[in-house]
PDB file of N, CA and C in Angstrom:
ATOM      1  N   MET A   1      96.901  67.696 132.176  1.00  0.00           N
ATOM      2  CA  MET A   1      97.825  67.125 133.141  1.00  0.00           C
ATOM      3  C   MET A   1      98.745  68.206 133.696  1.00  0.00           C
ATOM      4  N   LEU A   2      99.067  68.048 134.941  1.00  0.00           N
ATOM      5  CA  LEU A   2      99.974  68.982 135.588  1.00  0.00           C
ATOM      6  C   LEU A   2     101.412  68.711 135.163  1.00  0.00           C
ATOM      7  N   ASP A   3     102.223  69.743 135.175  1.00  0.00           N
ATOM      8  CA  ASP A   3     103.645  69.627 134.875  1.00  0.00           C
ATOM      9  C   ASP A   3     104.373  69.389 136.200  1.00  0.00           C
ATOM     10  N   PHE A   4     104.979  68.217 136.331  1.00  0.00           N
ATOM     11  CA  PHE A   4     105.647  67.862 137.581  1.00  0.00           C
ATOM     12  C   PHE A   4     107.158  68.054 137.515  1.00  0.00           C
ATOM     13  N   GLU A   5     107.642  68.640 136.428  1.00  0.00           N
ATOM     14  CA  GLU A   5     109.079  68.862 136.264  1.00  0.00           C
ATOM     15  C   GLU A   5     109.513  70.245 136.721  1.00  0.00           C
ATOM     16  N   ARG A   6     108.555  71.173 136.737  1.00  0.00           N
ATOM     17  CA  ARG A   6     108.899  72.534 137.107  1.00  0.00           C
ATOM     18  C   ARG A   6     107.798  73.108 137.990  1.00  0.00           C
ATOM     19  N   TYR A   7     108.171  74.045 138.827  1.00  0.00           N
ATOM     20  CA  TYR A   7     107.193  74.682 139.699  1.00  0.00           C
ATOM     21  C   TYR A   7     106.280  75.572 138.878  1.00  0.00           C
ATOM     22  N   ASN A   8     104.987  75.554 139.199  1.00  0.00           N
ATOM     23  CA  ASN A   8     104.036  76.496 138.627  1.00  0.00           C
ATOM     24  C   ASN A   8     102.860  76.620 139.593  1.00  0.00           C
ATOM     25  N   ASP A   9     102.083  77.671 139.417  1.00  0.00           N
ATOM     26  CA  ASP A   9     100.962  77.938 140.329  1.00  0.00           C
ATOM     27  C   ASP A   9      99.935  76.816 140.329  1.00  0.00           C
ATOM     28  N   GLU A  10      99.701  76.186 139.174  1.00  0.00           N
ATOM     29  CA  GLU A  10      98.691  75.136 139.134  1.00  0.00           C
ATOM     30  C   GLU A  10      99.128  73.921 139.952  1.00  0.00           C
ATOM     31  N   LEU A  11     100.399  73.561 139.880  1.00  0.00           N
ATOM     32  CA  LEU A  11     100.908  72.456 140.695  1.00  0.00           C
ATOM     33  C   LEU A  11     100.771  72.804 142.182  1.00  0.00           C
ATOM     34  N   MET A  12     101.158  74.009 142.550  1.00  0.00           N
ATOM     35  CA  MET A  12     101.037  74.424 143.947  1.00  0.00           C
ATOM     36  C   MET A  12      99.576  74.449 144.366  1.00  0.00           C
ATOM     37  N   GLY A  13      98.700  74.898 143.490  1.00  0.00           N
ATOM     38  CA  GLY A  13      97.269  74.898 143.781  1.00  0.00           C
ATOM     39  C   GLY A  13      96.745  73.487 144.021  1.00  0.00           C
ATOM     40  N   PHE A  14      97.214  72.527 143.230  1.00  0.00           N
ATOM     41  CA  PHE A  14      96.822  71.128 143.420  1.00  0.00           C
ATOM     42  C   PHE A  14      97.292  70.621 144.781  1.00  0.00           C
ATOM     43  N   VAL A  15      98.533  70.892 145.103  1.00  0.00           N
ATOM     44  CA  VAL A  15      99.095  70.430 146.384  1.00  0.00           C
ATOM     45  C   VAL A  15      98.329  71.059 147.552  1.00  0.00           C
ATOM     46  N   LEU A  16      98.018  72.336 147.449  1.00  0.00           N
ATOM     47  CA  LEU A  16      97.257  72.995 148.517  1.00  0.00           C
ATOM     48  C   LEU A  16      95.842  72.436 148.608  1.00  0.00           C
ATOM     49  N   ALA A  17      95.225  72.125 147.473  1.00  0.00           N
ATOM     50  CA  ALA A  17      93.899  71.508 147.498  1.00  0.00           C
ATOM     51  C   ALA A  17      93.971  70.155 148.215  1.00  0.00           C
ATOM     52  N   CYS A  18      95.028  69.415 147.977  1.00  0.00           N
ATOM     53  CA  CYS A  18      95.221  68.134 148.676  1.00  0.00           C
ATOM     54  C   CYS A  18      95.332  68.358 150.184  1.00  0.00           C
ATOM     55  N   LEU A  19      96.034  69.398 150.576  1.00  0.00           N
ATOM     56  CA  LEU A  19      96.182  69.718 151.995  1.00  0.00           C
ATOM     57  C   LEU A  19      94.846  70.136 152.604  1.00  0.00           C
ATOM     58  N   PHE A  20      94.133  71.021 151.929  1.00  0.00           N
ATOM     59  CA  PHE A  20      92.859  71.508 152.456  1.00  0.00           C
ATOM     60  C   PHE A  20      91.796  70.407 152.499  1.00  0.00           C
ATOM     61  N   CYS A  21      91.848  69.465 151.577  1.00  0.00           N
ATOM     62  CA  CYS A  21      90.891  68.342 151.572  1.00  0.00           C
ATOM     63  C   CYS A  21      91.355  67.208 152.486  1.00  0.00           C
ATOM     64  N   GLU A  22      92.512  67.400 153.117  1.00  0.00           N
ATOM     65  CA  GLU A  22      93.102  66.441 154.036  1.00  0.00           C
ATOM     66  C   GLU A  22      93.504  65.132 153.362  1.00  0.00           C
ATOM     67  N   ALA A  23      93.809  65.211 152.063  1.00  0.00           N
ATOM     68  CA  ALA A  23      94.360  64.055 151.366  1.00  0.00           C
ATOM     69  C   ALA A  23      95.825  63.867 151.759  1.00  0.00           C
ATOM     70  N   ILE A  24      96.460  64.959 152.230  1.00  0.00           N
ATOM     71  CA  ILE A  24      97.808  64.895 152.786  1.00  0.00           C
ATOM     72  C   ILE A  24      97.801  65.630 154.127  1.00  0.00           C
ATOM     73  N   SER A  25      98.769  65.282 154.946  1.00  0.00           N
ATOM     74  CA  SER A  25      98.930  65.947 156.245  1.00  0.00           C
ATOM     75  C   SER A  25      99.901  67.120 156.099  1.00  0.00           C
ATOM     76  N   LYS A  26     100.004  67.924 157.140  1.00  0.00           N
ATOM     77  CA  LYS A  26     100.979  69.021 157.128  1.00  0.00           C
ATOM     78  C   LYS A  26     102.395  68.479 157.001  1.00  0.00           C
ATOM     79  N   ALA A  27     102.675  67.374 157.677  1.00  0.00           N
ATOM     80  CA  ALA A  27     104.018  66.779 157.604  1.00  0.00           C
ATOM     81  C   ALA A  27     104.321  66.324 156.178  1.00  0.00           C
ATOM     82  N   GLU A  28     103.343  65.737 155.507  1.00  0.00           N
ATOM     83  CA  GLU A  28     103.537  65.310 154.119  1.00  0.00           C
ATOM     84  C   GLU A  28     103.686  66.517 153.201  1.00  0.00           C
ATOM     85  N   PHE A  29     102.969  67.585 153.494  1.00  0.00           N
ATOM     86  CA  PHE A  29     103.111  68.832 152.748  1.00  0.00           C
ATOM     87  C   PHE A  29     104.540  69.355 152.883  1.00  0.00           C
ATOM     88  N   GLN A  30     105.072  69.320 154.098  1.00  0.00           N
ATOM     89  CA  GLN A  30     106.435  69.785 154.331  1.00  0.00           C
ATOM     90  C   GLN A  30     107.447  68.942 153.551  1.00  0.00           C
ATOM     91  N   ILE A  31     107.231  67.639 153.499  1.00  0.00           N
ATOM     92  CA  ILE A  31     108.111  66.760 152.718  1.00  0.00           C
ATOM     93  C   ILE A  31     108.033  67.126 151.240  1.00  0.00           C
ATOM     94  N   TRP A  32     106.809  67.349 150.742  1.00  0.00           N
ATOM     95  CA  TRP A  32     106.655  67.723 149.340  1.00  0.00           C
ATOM     96  C   TRP A  32     107.417  69.020 149.063  1.00  0.00           C
ATOM     97  N   CYS A  33     107.295  69.991 149.943  1.00  0.00           N
ATOM     98  CA  CYS A  33     108.001  71.263 149.763  1.00  0.00           C
ATOM     99  C   CYS A  33     109.512  71.046 149.712  1.00  0.00           C
ATOM    100  N   ALA A  34     110.028  70.213 150.605  1.00  0.00           N
ATOM    101  CA  ALA A  34     111.464  69.926 150.634  1.00  0.00           C
ATOM    102  C   ALA A  34     111.910  69.280 149.325  1.00  0.00           C
ATOM    103  N   GLN A  35     111.140  68.328 148.855  1.00  0.00           N
ATOM    104  CA  GLN A  35     111.495  67.649 147.608  1.00  0.00           C
ATOM    105  C   GLN A  35     111.354  68.581 146.406  1.00  0.00           C
ATOM    106  N   SER A  36     110.434  69.514 146.474  1.00  0.00           N
ATOM    107  CA  SER A  36     110.145  70.388 145.340  1.00  0.00           C
ATOM    108  C   SER A  36     111.138  71.530 145.179  1.00  0.00           C
ATOM    109  N   THR A  37     112.028  71.706 146.131  1.00  0.00           N
ATOM    110  CA  THR A  37     113.038  72.757 145.982  1.00  0.00           C
ATOM    111  C   THR A  37     113.972  72.452 144.815  1.00  0.00           C
ATOM    112  N   THR A  38     113.952  71.216 144.318  1.00  0.00           N
ATOM    113  CA  THR A  38     114.796  70.847 143.179  1.00  0.00           C
ATOM    114  C   THR A  38     114.088  71.052 141.836  1.00  0.00           C
ATOM    115  N   LEU A  39     112.799  71.399 141.853  1.00  0.00           N
ATOM    116  CA  LEU A  39     112.074  71.631 140.610  1.00  0.00           C
ATOM    117  C   LEU A  39     112.621  72.862 139.888  1.00  0.00           C
ATOM    118  N   GLU A  40     112.531  72.850 138.577  1.00  0.00           N
ATOM    119  CA  GLU A  40     112.894  74.023 137.811  1.00  0.00           C
ATOM    120  C   GLU A  40     111.967  75.174 138.210  1.00  0.00           C
ATOM    121  N   ASN A  41     112.511  76.342 138.401  1.00  0.00           N
ATOM    122  CA  ASN A  41     111.770  77.547 138.805  1.00  0.00           C
ATOM    123  C   ASN A  41     111.239  77.474 140.240  1.00  0.00           C
ATOM    124  N   ALA A  42     111.789  76.641 141.089  1.00  0.00           N
ATOM    125  CA  ALA A  42     111.301  76.514 142.467  1.00  0.00           C
ATOM    126  C   ALA A  42     111.463  77.849 143.200  1.00  0.00           C
ATOM    127  N   PRO A  43     110.382  78.360 143.783  1.00  0.00           N
ATOM    128  CA  PRO A  43     110.456  79.635 144.503  1.00  0.00           C
ATOM    129  C   PRO A  43     111.081  79.448 145.896  1.00  0.00           C
ATOM    130  N   TYR A  44     111.619  80.523 146.412  1.00  0.00           N
ATOM    131  CA  TYR A  44     112.279  80.477 147.715  1.00  0.00           C
ATOM    132  C   TYR A  44     111.313  80.191 148.861  1.00  0.00           C
ATOM    133  N   PHE A  45     110.028  80.542 148.700  1.00  0.00           N
ATOM    134  CA  PHE A  45     109.106  80.329 149.806  1.00  0.00           C
ATOM    135  C   PHE A  45     108.910  78.848 150.134  1.00  0.00           C
ATOM    136  N   LEU A  46     109.305  77.948 149.229  1.00  0.00           N
ATOM    137  CA  LEU A  46     109.214  76.516 149.550  1.00  0.00           C
ATOM    138  C   LEU A  46     110.074  76.172 150.776  1.00  0.00           C
ATOM    139  N   TYR A  47     111.175  76.903 150.942  1.00  0.00           N
ATOM    140  CA  TYR A  47     112.037  76.674 152.110  1.00  0.00           C
ATOM    141  C   TYR A  47     111.297  77.055 153.396  1.00  0.00           C
ATOM    142  N   ASP A  48     110.549  78.142 153.362  1.00  0.00           N
ATOM    143  CA  ASP A  48     109.763  78.554 154.526  1.00  0.00           C
ATOM    144  C   ASP A  48     108.640  77.550 154.793  1.00  0.00           C
ATOM    145  N   LEU A  49     108.035  77.055 153.727  1.00  0.00           N
ATOM    146  CA  LEU A  49     106.924  76.111 153.881  1.00  0.00           C
ATOM    147  C   LEU A  49     107.379  74.745 154.389  1.00  0.00           C
ATOM    148  N   MET A  50     108.655  74.425 154.212  1.00  0.00           N
ATOM    149  CA  MET A  50     109.176  73.148 154.724  1.00  0.00           C
ATOM    150  C   MET A  50     109.036  73.072 156.244  1.00  0.00           C
ATOM    151  N   GLU A  51     109.021  74.210 156.893  1.00  0.00           N
ATOM    152  CA  GLU A  51     108.933  74.253 158.348  1.00  0.00           C
ATOM    153  C   GLU A  51     107.607  74.816 158.831  1.00  0.00           C
ATOM    154  N   PHE A  52     106.687  75.041 157.927  1.00  0.00           N
ATOM    155  CA  PHE A  52     105.403  75.653 158.267  1.00  0.00           C
ATOM    156  C   PHE A  52     104.600  74.745 159.197  1.00  0.00           C
ATOM    157  N   ASP A  53     104.138  75.330 160.313  1.00  0.00           N
ATOM    158  CA  ASP A  53     103.345  74.549 161.267  1.00  0.00           C
ATOM    159  C   ASP A  53     102.153  75.351 161.792  1.00  0.00           C
ATOM    160  N   GLY A  54     101.783  76.401 161.082  1.00  0.00           N
ATOM    161  CA  GLY A  54     100.661  77.234 161.512  1.00  0.00           C
ATOM    162  C   GLY A  54      99.344  76.748 160.950  1.00  0.00           C
ATOM    163  N   GLU A  55      98.333  77.597 161.082  1.00  0.00           N
ATOM    164  CA  GLU A  55      97.027  77.317 160.497  1.00  0.00           C
ATOM    165  C   GLU A  55      97.175  77.319 158.980  1.00  0.00           C
ATOM    166  N   ILE A  56      96.575  76.345 158.314  1.00  0.00           N
ATOM    167  CA  ILE A  56      96.856  76.195 156.891  1.00  0.00           C
ATOM    168  C   ILE A  56      96.392  77.376 156.040  1.00  0.00           C
ATOM    169  N   PHE A  57      95.383  78.101 156.488  1.00  0.00           N
ATOM    170  CA  PHE A  57      94.954  79.255 155.699  1.00  0.00           C
ATOM    171  C   PHE A  57      96.027  80.340 155.663  1.00  0.00           C
ATOM    172  N   LYS A  58      96.998  80.291 156.577  1.00  0.00           N
ATOM    173  CA  LYS A  58      98.067  81.285 156.609  1.00  0.00           C
ATOM    174  C   LYS A  58      99.180  80.992 155.600  1.00  0.00           C
ATOM    175  N   ILE A  59      99.083  79.866 154.927  1.00  0.00           N
ATOM    176  CA  ILE A  59     100.080  79.514 153.915  1.00  0.00           C
ATOM    177  C   ILE A  59     100.139  80.584 152.831  1.00  0.00           C
ATOM    178  N   TYR A  60      98.988  81.141 152.497  1.00  0.00           N
ATOM    179  CA  TYR A  60      98.936  82.138 151.438  1.00  0.00           C
ATOM    180  C   TYR A  60      99.757  83.376 151.780  1.00  0.00           C
ATOM    181  N   GLN A  61      99.891  83.692 153.066  1.00  0.00           N
ATOM    182  CA  GLN A  61     100.714  84.829 153.469  1.00  0.00           C
ATOM    183  C   GLN A  61     102.183  84.575 153.128  1.00  0.00           C
ATOM    184  N   ILE A  62     102.602  83.337 153.269  1.00  0.00           N
ATOM    185  CA  ILE A  62     103.991  82.989 152.958  1.00  0.00           C
ATOM    186  C   ILE A  62     104.210  82.996 151.447  1.00  0.00           C
ATOM    187  N   ILE A  63     103.244  82.442 150.720  1.00  0.00           N
ATOM    188  CA  ILE A  63     103.369  82.362 149.262  1.00  0.00           C
ATOM    189  C   ILE A  63     103.253  83.747 148.626  1.00  0.00           C
ATOM    190  N   GLY A  64     102.378  84.575 149.176  1.00  0.00           N
ATOM    191  CA  GLY A  64     102.180  85.918 148.642  1.00  0.00           C
ATOM    192  C   GLY A  64     101.113  85.990 147.563  1.00  0.00           C
ATOM    193  N   SER A  65     100.449  84.883 147.316  1.00  0.00           N
ATOM    194  CA  SER A  65      99.359  84.826 146.336  1.00  0.00           C
ATOM    195  C   SER A  65      98.543  83.569 146.630  1.00  0.00           C
ATOM    196  N   VAL A  66      97.486  83.383 145.859  1.00  0.00           N
ATOM    197  CA  VAL A  66      96.650  82.191 146.007  1.00  0.00           C
ATOM    198  C   VAL A  66      96.778  81.375 144.719  1.00  0.00           C
ATOM    199  N   PRO A  67      97.643  80.358 144.723  1.00  0.00           N
ATOM    200  CA  PRO A  67      97.801  79.530 143.519  1.00  0.00           C
ATOM    201  C   PRO A  67      96.496  78.818 143.187  1.00  0.00           C
ATOM    202  N   TYR A  68      96.229  78.666 141.902  1.00  0.00           N
ATOM    203  CA  TYR A  68      94.962  78.092 141.486  1.00  0.00           C
ATOM    204  C   TYR A  68      95.171  76.831 140.661  1.00  0.00           C
ATOM    205  N   TRP A  69      94.492  75.781 141.055  1.00  0.00           N
ATOM    206  CA  TRP A  69      94.456  74.527 140.309  1.00  0.00           C
ATOM    207  C   TRP A  69      93.154  74.498 139.516  1.00  0.00           C
ATOM    208  N   GLU A  70      93.224  74.421 138.226  1.00  0.00           N
ATOM    209  CA  GLU A  70      92.045  74.359 137.355  1.00  0.00           C
ATOM    210  C   GLU A  70      91.402  72.988 137.530  1.00  0.00           C
ATOM    211  N   HIS A  71      90.179  72.964 138.086  1.00  0.00           N
ATOM    212  CA  HIS A  71      89.530  71.681 138.352  1.00  0.00           C
ATOM    213  C   HIS A  71      88.019  71.850 138.480  1.00  0.00           C
ATOM    214  N   SER A  72      87.342  70.720 138.394  1.00  0.00           N
ATOM    215  CA  SER A  72      85.888  70.699 138.579  1.00  0.00           C
ATOM    216  C   SER A  72      85.583  70.356 140.042  1.00  0.00           C
ATOM    217  N   ASP A  73      84.341  70.541 140.425  1.00  0.00           N
ATOM    218  CA  ASP A  73      83.935  70.138 141.773  1.00  0.00           C
ATOM    219  C   ASP A  73      84.158  68.648 141.974  1.00  0.00           C
ATOM    220  N   ASP A  74      83.844  67.843 140.964  1.00  0.00           N
ATOM    221  CA  ASP A  74      84.021  66.396 141.083  1.00  0.00           C
ATOM    222  C   ASP A  74      85.477  66.016 141.312  1.00  0.00           C
ATOM    223  N   GLU A  75      86.400  66.742 140.686  1.00  0.00           N
ATOM    224  CA  GLU A  75      87.820  66.462 140.901  1.00  0.00           C
ATOM    225  C   GLU A  75      88.228  66.820 142.333  1.00  0.00           C
ATOM    226  N   GLU A  76      87.681  67.890 142.859  1.00  0.00           N
ATOM    227  CA  GLU A  76      87.962  68.236 144.253  1.00  0.00           C
ATOM    228  C   GLU A  76      87.370  67.184 145.192  1.00  0.00           C
ATOM    229  N   TYR A  77      86.167  66.729 144.893  1.00  0.00           N
ATOM    230  CA  TYR A  77      85.547  65.686 145.705  1.00  0.00           C
ATOM    231  C   TYR A  77      86.378  64.400 145.661  1.00  0.00           C
ATOM    232  N   ALA A  78      87.029  64.154 144.522  1.00  0.00           N
ATOM    233  CA  ALA A  78      87.903  62.979 144.406  1.00  0.00           C
ATOM    234  C   ALA A  78      89.070  63.065 145.394  1.00  0.00           C
ATOM    235  N   LEU A  79      89.538  64.295 145.683  1.00  0.00           N
ATOM    236  CA  LEU A  79      90.603  64.448 146.680  1.00  0.00           C
ATOM    237  C   LEU A  79      90.129  64.008 148.062  1.00  0.00           C
ATOM    238  N   TYR A  80      88.874  64.294 148.364  1.00  0.00           N
ATOM    239  CA  TYR A  80      88.315  63.781 149.618  1.00  0.00           C
ATOM    240  C   TYR A  80      88.288  62.258 149.595  1.00  0.00           C
ATOM    241  N   GLY A  81      88.025  61.681 148.423  1.00  0.00           N
ATOM    242  CA  GLY A  81      88.064  60.231 148.278  1.00  0.00           C
ATOM    243  C   GLY A  81      89.441  59.667 148.574  1.00  0.00           C
ATOM    244  N   ILE A  82      90.477  60.380 148.149  1.00  0.00           N
ATOM    245  CA  ILE A  82      91.848  59.958 148.468  1.00  0.00           C
ATOM    246  C   ILE A  82      92.060  60.013 149.977  1.00  0.00           C
ATOM    247  N   ALA A  83      91.596  61.079 150.599  1.00  0.00           N
ATOM    248  CA  ALA A  83      91.725  61.195 152.057  1.00  0.00           C
ATOM    249  C   ALA A  83      91.043  60.023 152.748  1.00  0.00           C
ATOM    250  N   VAL A  84      89.842  59.714 152.315  1.00  0.00           N
ATOM    251  CA  VAL A  84      89.088  58.599 152.915  1.00  0.00           C
ATOM    252  C   VAL A  84      89.825  57.287 152.686  1.00  0.00           C
ATOM    253  N   ARG A  85      90.291  57.073 151.476  1.00  0.00           N
ATOM    254  CA  ARG A  85      91.014  55.832 151.164  1.00  0.00           C
ATOM    255  C   ARG A  85      92.268  55.687 152.022  1.00  0.00           C
ATOM    256  N   ARG A  86      92.868  56.807 152.375  1.00  0.00           N
ATOM    257  CA  ARG A  86      94.079  56.785 153.206  1.00  0.00           C
ATOM    258  C   ARG A  86      93.756  56.674 154.696  1.00  0.00           C
ATOM    259  N   GLY A  87      92.477  56.612 155.036  1.00  0.00           N
ATOM    260  CA  GLY A  87      92.092  56.478 156.439  1.00  0.00           C
ATOM    261  C   GLY A  87      91.929  57.789 157.167  1.00  0.00           C
ATOM    262  N   MET A  88      91.951  58.887 156.440  1.00  0.00           N
ATOM    263  CA  MET A  88      91.750  60.199 157.052  1.00  0.00           C
ATOM    264  C   MET A  88      90.251  60.434 157.231  1.00  0.00           C
ATOM    265  N   LYS A  89      89.918  61.344 158.115  1.00  0.00           N
ATOM    266  CA  LYS A  89      88.522  61.729 158.328  1.00  0.00           C
ATOM    267  C   LYS A  89      88.423  63.239 158.204  1.00  0.00           C
ATOM    268  N   PRO A  90      88.324  63.730 156.950  1.00  0.00           N
ATOM    269  CA  PRO A  90      88.264  65.185 156.754  1.00  0.00           C
ATOM    270  C   PRO A  90      87.147  65.813 157.569  1.00  0.00           C
ATOM    271  N   TYR A  91      87.453  66.952 158.103  1.00  0.00           N
ATOM    272  CA  TYR A  91      86.563  67.660 159.025  1.00  0.00           C
ATOM    273  C   TYR A  91      85.224  68.028 158.407  1.00  0.00           C
ATOM    274  N   ASP A  92      85.251  68.583 157.229  1.00  0.00           N
ATOM    275  CA  ASP A  92      84.025  69.150 156.667  1.00  0.00           C
ATOM    276  C   ASP A  92      83.815  68.665 155.235  1.00  0.00           C
ATOM    277  N   MET A  93      83.642  67.356 155.065  1.00  0.00           N
ATOM    278  CA  MET A  93      83.449  66.807 153.728  1.00  0.00           C
ATOM    279  C   MET A  93      82.083  67.202 153.179  1.00  0.00           C
ATOM    280  N   PRO A  94      82.040  67.640 151.923  1.00  0.00           N
ATOM    281  CA  PRO A  94      80.774  68.051 151.331  1.00  0.00           C
ATOM    282  C   PRO A  94      79.891  66.879 150.884  1.00  0.00           C
ATOM    283  N   LEU A  95      80.452  65.672 150.846  1.00  0.00           N
ATOM    284  CA  LEU A  95      79.722  64.478 150.415  1.00  0.00           C
ATOM    285  C   LEU A  95      79.919  63.356 151.423  1.00  0.00           C
ATOM    286  N   SER A  96      79.162  62.290 151.265  1.00  0.00           N
ATOM    287  CA  SER A  96      79.337  61.126 152.128  1.00  0.00           C
ATOM    288  C   SER A  96      80.625  60.399 151.736  1.00  0.00           C
ATOM    289  N   VAL A  97      81.071  59.518 152.587  1.00  0.00           N
ATOM    290  CA  VAL A  97      82.269  58.718 152.321  1.00  0.00           C
ATOM    291  C   VAL A  97      82.118  57.968 151.003  1.00  0.00           C
ATOM    292  N   ASP A  98      80.997  57.290 150.831  1.00  0.00           N
ATOM    293  CA  ASP A  98      80.775  56.516 149.607  1.00  0.00           C
ATOM    294  C   ASP A  98      80.774  57.403 148.367  1.00  0.00           C
ATOM    295  N   GLU A  99      80.181  58.578 148.477  1.00  0.00           N
ATOM    296  CA  GLU A  99      80.142  59.492 147.330  1.00  0.00           C
ATOM    297  C   GLU A  99      81.540  59.979 146.956  1.00  0.00           C
ATOM    298  N   THR A 100      82.374  60.249 147.950  1.00  0.00           N
ATOM    299  CA  THR A 100      83.735  60.708 147.638  1.00  0.00           C
ATOM    300  C   THR A 100      84.523  59.601 146.955  1.00  0.00           C
ATOM    301  N   LEU A 101      84.325  58.369 147.374  1.00  0.00           N
ATOM    302  CA  LEU A 101      85.016  57.247 146.737  1.00  0.00           C
ATOM    303  C   LEU A 101      84.516  57.035 145.306  1.00  0.00           C
ATOM    304  N   GLU A 102      83.235  57.259 145.080  1.00  0.00           N
ATOM    305  CA  GLU A 102      82.688  57.187 143.717  1.00  0.00           C
ATOM    306  C   GLU A 102      83.305  58.274 142.840  1.00  0.00           C
ATOM    307  N   LYS A 103      83.445  59.459 143.388  1.00  0.00           N
ATOM    308  CA  LYS A 103      84.052  60.564 142.633  1.00  0.00           C
ATOM    309  C   LYS A 103      85.507  60.247 142.302  1.00  0.00           C
ATOM    310  N   LEU A 104      86.207  59.615 143.229  1.00  0.00           N
ATOM    311  CA  LEU A 104      87.591  59.224 142.994  1.00  0.00           C
ATOM    312  C   LEU A 104      87.667  58.182 141.876  1.00  0.00           C
ATOM    313  N   ASP A 105      86.797  57.197 141.916  1.00  0.00           N
ATOM    314  CA  ASP A 105      86.777  56.175 140.868  1.00  0.00           C
ATOM    315  C   ASP A 105      86.461  56.775 139.501  1.00  0.00           C
ATOM    316  N   ALA A 106      85.650  57.811 139.486  1.00  0.00           N
ATOM    317  CA  ALA A 106      85.242  58.456 138.236  1.00  0.00           C
ATOM    318  C   ALA A 106      86.290  59.452 137.714  1.00  0.00           C
ATOM    319  N   ALA A 107      87.301  59.748 138.520  1.00  0.00           N
ATOM    320  CA  ALA A 107      88.323  60.734 138.130  1.00  0.00           C
ATOM    321  C   ALA A 107      89.725  60.137 138.280  1.00  0.00           C
ATOM    322  N   PRO A 108      90.073  59.158 137.432  1.00  0.00           N
ATOM    323  CA  PRO A 108      91.380  58.498 137.579  1.00  0.00           C
ATOM    324  C   PRO A 108      92.563  59.451 137.393  1.00  0.00           C
ATOM    325  N   THR A 109      92.382  60.552 136.658  1.00  0.00           N
ATOM    326  CA  THR A 109      93.500  61.480 136.483  1.00  0.00           C
ATOM    327  C   THR A 109      93.873  62.157 137.797  1.00  0.00           C
ATOM    328  N   VAL A 110      92.900  62.351 138.683  1.00  0.00           N
ATOM    329  CA  VAL A 110      93.203  62.969 139.976  1.00  0.00           C
ATOM    330  C   VAL A 110      94.105  62.038 140.786  1.00  0.00           C
ATOM    331  N   GLU A 111      93.764  60.761 140.800  1.00  0.00           N
ATOM    332  CA  GLU A 111      94.608  59.802 141.527  1.00  0.00           C
ATOM    333  C   GLU A 111      95.995  59.716 140.888  1.00  0.00           C
ATOM    334  N   GLN A 112      96.051  59.734 139.570  1.00  0.00           N
ATOM    335  CA  GLN A 112      97.334  59.683 138.875  1.00  0.00           C
ATOM    336  C   GLN A 112      98.187  60.905 139.216  1.00  0.00           C
ATOM    337  N   GLU A 113      97.577  62.077 139.219  1.00  0.00           N
ATOM    338  CA  GLU A 113      98.311  63.289 139.564  1.00  0.00           C
ATOM    339  C   GLU A 113      98.761  63.262 141.021  1.00  0.00           C
ATOM    340  N   PHE A 114      97.919  62.734 141.894  1.00  0.00           N
ATOM    341  CA  PHE A 114      98.290  62.605 143.291  1.00  0.00           C
ATOM    342  C   PHE A 114      99.523  61.708 143.423  1.00  0.00           C
ATOM    343  N   ARG A 115      99.501  60.582 142.731  1.00  0.00           N
ATOM    344  CA  ARG A 115     100.642  59.654 142.791  1.00  0.00           C
ATOM    345  C   ARG A 115     101.920  60.300 142.251  1.00  0.00           C
ATOM    346  N   GLN A 116     101.794  61.115 141.207  1.00  0.00           N
ATOM    347  CA  GLN A 116     102.966  61.787 140.655  1.00  0.00           C
ATOM    348  C   GLN A 116     103.491  62.850 141.611  1.00  0.00           C
ATOM    349  N   ALA A 117     102.602  63.605 142.205  1.00  0.00           N
ATOM    350  CA  ALA A 117     103.032  64.674 143.110  1.00  0.00           C
ATOM    351  C   ALA A 117     103.599  64.129 144.408  1.00  0.00           C
ATOM    352  N   PHE A 118     103.022  63.034 144.877  1.00  0.00           N
ATOM    353  CA  PHE A 118     103.386  62.497 146.197  1.00  0.00           C
ATOM    354  C   PHE A 118     103.848  61.053 146.072  1.00  0.00           C
ATOM    355  N   GLY A 119     104.893  60.841 145.307  1.00  0.00           N
ATOM    356  CA  GLY A 119     105.429  59.501 145.096  1.00  0.00           C
ATOM    357  C   GLY A 119     105.858  58.815 146.382  1.00  0.00           C
ATOM    358  N   PHE A 120     106.088  59.569 147.417  1.00  0.00           N
ATOM    359  CA  PHE A 120     106.514  59.000 148.695  1.00  0.00           C
ATOM    360  C   PHE A 120     105.338  58.518 149.543  1.00  0.00           C
ATOM    361  N   ILE A 121     104.102  58.711 149.052  1.00  0.00           N
ATOM    362  CA  ILE A 121     102.907  58.291 149.790  1.00  0.00           C
ATOM    363  C   ILE A 121     102.279  57.087 149.087  1.00  0.00           C
ATOM    364  N   GLU A 122     101.994  56.053 149.829  1.00  0.00           N
ATOM    365  CA  GLU A 122     101.304  54.894 149.263  1.00  0.00           C
ATOM    366  C   GLU A 122      99.810  55.075 149.380  1.00  0.00           C
ATOM    367  N   LEU A 123      99.105  54.712 148.310  1.00  0.00           N
ATOM    368  CA  LEU A 123      97.645  54.743 148.339  1.00  0.00           C
ATOM    369  C   LEU A 123      97.116  53.342 148.515  1.00  0.00           C
TER     370      LEU A 123
END
């Protein structure tokens, strides 16, 4: 389980994976960054990311590294399932809509972590 009380690379990696899989929008990412400035060990770059509106691959330039979320392919596919459930249409999904929803059902911890990270988003 991810630690949601303090900032760490794995939490940031999870949030970025959600952004790249289109489970969250850029605006929701900015809200998460704003809320996360209160986390223990919150880095200063979160303030820059609160206003970030560029191409998402450029986020790493602001962070200065590539945070990593330890996960399986199925857990990443579950993030696409969250995007689909939210009515998003990810650009380059590696699986069909039904398959992503199956992966989400098979990975309840991913949905739980999503709910913890993004309490302001309804699923």
